[in-house]
N, C-alpha and C. Protein backbone atom coordinates (compact mmCIF):
# COMPACT_ATOMS: atom_id res chain seq x y z
N MET A 1 0.85 -1.17 0.00
CA MET A 1 0.00 0.00 0.00
C MET A 1 0.90 1.24 0.00
N SER A 2 0.69 2.09 -0.95
CA SER A 2 1.54 3.28 -1.06
C SER A 2 1.06 4.37 -0.11
N ALA A 3 1.85 5.41 0.01
CA ALA A 3 1.52 6.52 0.91
C ALA A 3 0.34 7.32 0.39
N ARG A 4 0.09 7.29 -0.93
CA ARG A 4 -1.01 8.07 -1.50
C ARG A 4 -2.33 7.30 -1.52
N ALA A 5 -2.30 6.02 -1.20
CA ALA A 5 -3.51 5.20 -1.26
C ALA A 5 -4.64 5.76 -0.39
N PRO A 6 -4.37 6.13 0.86
CA PRO A 6 -5.47 6.70 1.66
C PRO A 6 -6.03 7.99 1.06
N GLU A 7 -5.19 8.82 0.50
CA GLU A 7 -5.66 10.07 -0.12
C GLU A 7 -6.54 9.79 -1.32
N VAL A 8 -6.15 8.80 -2.12
CA VAL A 8 -6.94 8.43 -3.30
C VAL A 8 -8.31 7.90 -2.87
N ARG A 9 -8.33 7.04 -1.84
CA ARG A 9 -9.61 6.52 -1.35
C ARG A 9 -10.49 7.64 -0.81
N LEU A 10 -9.93 8.57 -0.06
CA LEU A 10 -10.70 9.69 0.47
C LEU A 10 -11.26 10.55 -0.65
N THR A 11 -10.47 10.81 -1.67
CA THR A 11 -10.93 11.63 -2.80
C THR A 11 -12.09 10.93 -3.51
N ARG A 12 -11.95 9.61 -3.74
CA ARG A 12 -13.02 8.84 -4.40
C ARG A 12 -14.30 8.86 -3.55
N THR A 13 -14.14 8.70 -2.25
CA THR A 13 -15.31 8.71 -1.35
C THR A 13 -15.98 10.08 -1.34
N ARG A 14 -15.20 11.14 -1.33
CA ARG A 14 -15.78 12.49 -1.35
C ARG A 14 -16.57 12.73 -2.63
N ARG A 15 -16.05 12.22 -3.76
CA ARG A 15 -16.78 12.37 -5.03
C ARG A 15 -18.10 11.63 -4.98
N LEU A 16 -18.12 10.43 -4.38
CA LEU A 16 -19.37 9.67 -4.26
C LEU A 16 -20.38 10.40 -3.38
N LEU A 17 -19.91 11.02 -2.31
CA LEU A 17 -20.82 11.75 -1.41
C LEU A 17 -21.39 13.00 -2.07
N ASP A 18 -20.61 13.62 -2.95
CA ASP A 18 -21.07 14.83 -3.63
C ASP A 18 -21.96 14.54 -4.82
N ALA A 19 -22.00 13.31 -5.29
CA ALA A 19 -22.81 12.95 -6.46
C ALA A 19 -24.30 12.97 -6.09
N PRO A 20 -25.19 13.29 -7.03
CA PRO A 20 -26.62 13.26 -6.74
C PRO A 20 -27.09 11.82 -6.52
N PRO A 21 -28.17 11.62 -5.77
CA PRO A 21 -28.65 10.26 -5.50
C PRO A 21 -29.16 9.58 -6.77
N VAL A 22 -29.09 8.27 -6.79
CA VAL A 22 -29.56 7.48 -7.91
C VAL A 22 -31.09 7.51 -7.94
N LYS A 23 -31.69 7.69 -9.12
CA LYS A 23 -33.15 7.79 -9.20
C LYS A 23 -33.82 6.44 -8.96
N HIS A 24 -33.30 5.38 -9.56
CA HIS A 24 -33.90 4.04 -9.42
C HIS A 24 -32.84 3.07 -8.93
N VAL A 25 -33.16 2.39 -7.85
CA VAL A 25 -32.25 1.38 -7.32
C VAL A 25 -32.81 0.02 -7.73
N PRO A 26 -32.00 -0.85 -8.32
CA PRO A 26 -32.50 -2.17 -8.73
C PRO A 26 -33.06 -2.94 -7.53
N GLY A 27 -34.22 -3.56 -7.73
CA GLY A 27 -34.82 -4.35 -6.67
C GLY A 27 -35.79 -3.57 -5.80
N GLN A 28 -35.91 -2.26 -5.99
CA GLN A 28 -36.86 -1.46 -5.21
C GLN A 28 -38.04 -1.08 -6.07
N LEU A 29 -39.20 -1.09 -5.48
CA LEU A 29 -40.42 -0.74 -6.18
C LEU A 29 -40.94 0.58 -5.63
N ALA A 30 -41.18 1.53 -6.50
CA ALA A 30 -41.71 2.82 -6.07
C ALA A 30 -43.20 2.69 -5.83
N VAL A 31 -43.62 2.76 -4.58
CA VAL A 31 -45.02 2.60 -4.22
C VAL A 31 -45.44 3.79 -3.36
N GLU A 32 -46.58 4.34 -3.66
CA GLU A 32 -47.13 5.42 -2.84
C GLU A 32 -47.77 4.82 -1.59
N VAL A 33 -47.34 5.23 -0.43
CA VAL A 33 -47.87 4.72 0.83
C VAL A 33 -48.62 5.83 1.53
N GLU A 34 -49.85 5.55 1.92
CA GLU A 34 -50.65 6.55 2.63
C GLU A 34 -50.22 6.59 4.09
N PRO A 35 -50.12 7.79 4.68
CA PRO A 35 -49.73 7.87 6.09
C PRO A 35 -50.84 7.31 6.97
N PRO A 36 -50.48 6.72 8.12
CA PRO A 36 -51.51 6.18 9.01
C PRO A 36 -52.35 7.30 9.61
N LEU A 37 -53.59 6.99 9.90
CA LEU A 37 -54.49 7.98 10.50
C LEU A 37 -54.17 8.12 11.98
N VAL A 38 -53.98 9.34 12.42
CA VAL A 38 -53.65 9.61 13.81
C VAL A 38 -54.91 9.68 14.66
N GLU A 39 -56.04 9.92 14.04
CA GLU A 39 -57.29 10.12 14.77
C GLU A 39 -57.78 8.85 15.47
N ASP A 40 -57.22 7.67 15.14
CA ASP A 40 -57.68 6.43 15.74
C ASP A 40 -57.20 6.25 17.18
N ALA A 41 -56.24 7.06 17.62
CA ALA A 41 -55.71 6.91 18.97
C ALA A 41 -56.72 7.41 20.01
N PRO A 42 -56.88 6.67 21.13
CA PRO A 42 -57.79 7.13 22.17
C PRO A 42 -57.23 8.37 22.86
N PRO A 43 -58.08 9.19 23.46
CA PRO A 43 -57.59 10.39 24.14
C PRO A 43 -56.73 10.01 25.35
N ARG A 44 -55.76 10.85 25.66
CA ARG A 44 -54.89 10.61 26.81
C ARG A 44 -55.58 11.14 28.06
N VAL A 45 -55.78 10.27 29.04
CA VAL A 45 -56.46 10.65 30.28
C VAL A 45 -55.60 10.25 31.47
N CYS A 46 -55.89 10.81 32.63
CA CYS A 46 -55.16 10.52 33.87
C CYS A 46 -55.33 9.05 34.24
N GLN A 47 -54.21 8.38 34.57
CA GLN A 47 -54.23 6.96 34.89
C GLN A 47 -54.18 6.69 36.39
N HIS A 48 -54.47 7.68 37.22
CA HIS A 48 -54.38 7.52 38.68
C HIS A 48 -55.62 6.81 39.22
N GLY A 49 -55.40 5.90 40.17
CA GLY A 49 -56.49 5.30 40.93
C GLY A 49 -57.16 4.11 40.27
N ASN A 50 -58.08 3.50 41.03
CA ASN A 50 -58.89 2.39 40.54
C ASN A 50 -60.28 2.58 41.10
N PRO A 51 -61.25 3.03 40.36
CA PRO A 51 -61.25 3.27 38.92
C PRO A 51 -60.40 4.49 38.55
N ARG A 52 -60.02 4.55 37.32
CA ARG A 52 -59.14 5.62 36.83
C ARG A 52 -59.79 6.98 37.00
N CYS A 53 -58.93 8.00 37.23
CA CYS A 53 -59.39 9.38 37.38
C CYS A 53 -60.04 9.85 36.08
N GLY A 54 -59.32 9.69 34.95
CA GLY A 54 -59.87 10.03 33.64
C GLY A 54 -59.87 11.50 33.30
N ALA A 55 -59.20 12.33 34.09
CA ALA A 55 -59.19 13.78 33.84
C ALA A 55 -58.33 14.12 32.62
N VAL A 56 -58.66 15.23 31.99
CA VAL A 56 -57.91 15.76 30.84
C VAL A 56 -57.71 17.24 31.13
N PRO A 57 -56.62 17.90 30.89
CA PRO A 57 -55.39 17.48 30.21
C PRO A 57 -54.46 16.76 31.17
N VAL A 58 -53.51 16.00 30.61
CA VAL A 58 -52.54 15.24 31.39
C VAL A 58 -51.14 15.50 30.89
N ARG A 59 -50.15 15.12 31.72
CA ARG A 59 -48.73 15.19 31.34
C ARG A 59 -48.12 13.81 31.58
N PRO A 60 -47.12 13.43 30.76
CA PRO A 60 -46.48 12.13 30.98
C PRO A 60 -45.45 12.19 32.11
N TYR A 61 -45.50 11.22 33.00
CA TYR A 61 -44.53 11.07 34.09
C TYR A 61 -44.05 9.62 34.06
N PRO A 62 -42.94 9.30 34.76
CA PRO A 62 -42.48 7.91 34.79
C PRO A 62 -43.54 6.96 35.35
N CYS A 63 -44.42 7.46 36.20
CA CYS A 63 -45.46 6.61 36.79
C CYS A 63 -46.72 6.55 35.93
N GLY A 64 -46.73 7.21 34.78
CA GLY A 64 -47.88 7.19 33.89
C GLY A 64 -48.40 8.59 33.64
N LEU A 65 -49.50 8.68 32.91
CA LEU A 65 -50.13 9.97 32.62
C LEU A 65 -50.86 10.47 33.86
N ARG A 66 -50.63 11.72 34.24
CA ARG A 66 -51.25 12.27 35.45
C ARG A 66 -51.82 13.66 35.17
N CYS A 67 -52.93 13.97 35.84
CA CYS A 67 -53.55 15.30 35.74
C CYS A 67 -52.89 16.22 36.77
N GLU A 68 -53.35 17.45 36.83
CA GLU A 68 -52.78 18.43 37.77
C GLU A 68 -52.92 17.97 39.22
N GLU A 69 -54.05 17.41 39.56
CA GLU A 69 -54.32 17.01 40.94
C GLU A 69 -53.48 15.80 41.38
N HIS A 70 -53.14 14.90 40.45
CA HIS A 70 -52.45 13.67 40.80
C HIS A 70 -51.00 13.61 40.34
N GLN A 71 -50.39 14.75 40.03
CA GLN A 71 -48.99 14.72 39.59
C GLN A 71 -48.09 14.32 40.76
N PRO A 72 -46.94 13.68 40.48
CA PRO A 72 -46.04 13.25 41.56
C PRO A 72 -45.57 14.42 42.41
N ALA A 73 -45.30 14.16 43.68
CA ALA A 73 -44.94 15.21 44.64
C ALA A 73 -43.64 15.92 44.27
N ARG A 74 -42.70 15.24 43.66
CA ARG A 74 -41.41 15.87 43.33
C ARG A 74 -41.57 16.92 42.24
N THR A 75 -42.65 16.90 41.49
CA THR A 75 -42.87 17.87 40.42
C THR A 75 -44.02 18.80 40.74
N ARG A 76 -44.38 18.94 42.01
CA ARG A 76 -45.58 19.67 42.42
C ARG A 76 -45.75 21.06 41.81
N PRO A 77 -44.80 21.93 41.79
CA PRO A 77 -45.11 23.27 41.27
C PRO A 77 -45.17 23.33 39.74
N TYR A 78 -45.25 22.18 39.06
CA TYR A 78 -45.24 22.20 37.59
C TYR A 78 -46.46 22.91 37.04
N PHE A 79 -47.65 22.50 37.49
CA PHE A 79 -48.87 23.17 37.07
C PHE A 79 -49.13 24.33 38.03
N ARG A 80 -49.51 25.45 37.50
CA ARG A 80 -49.85 26.60 38.36
C ARG A 80 -51.21 27.14 37.92
N ALA A 81 -52.03 27.46 38.90
CA ALA A 81 -53.35 28.03 38.60
C ALA A 81 -53.15 29.43 38.04
N ALA A 82 -53.86 29.75 37.01
CA ALA A 82 -53.72 31.07 36.38
C ALA A 82 -54.63 32.08 37.02
């Protein structure tokens, strides 16, 4: 391996990176895919208690989704009454 071999490889790689992308890749099929509907997700409600509190709006915590009244004690001043 000569001293210029790494430079030649780097130059070749830089040229490949600067080239425009290939339009058609063999073995790939161009198919239009519709995005999934987001509206199918159930509403996020408070998961505190049994039966569940069910209040809205909620925030995610490590212990689950919680409303203002049931948020963990370490994060107490997070919600403030306006």
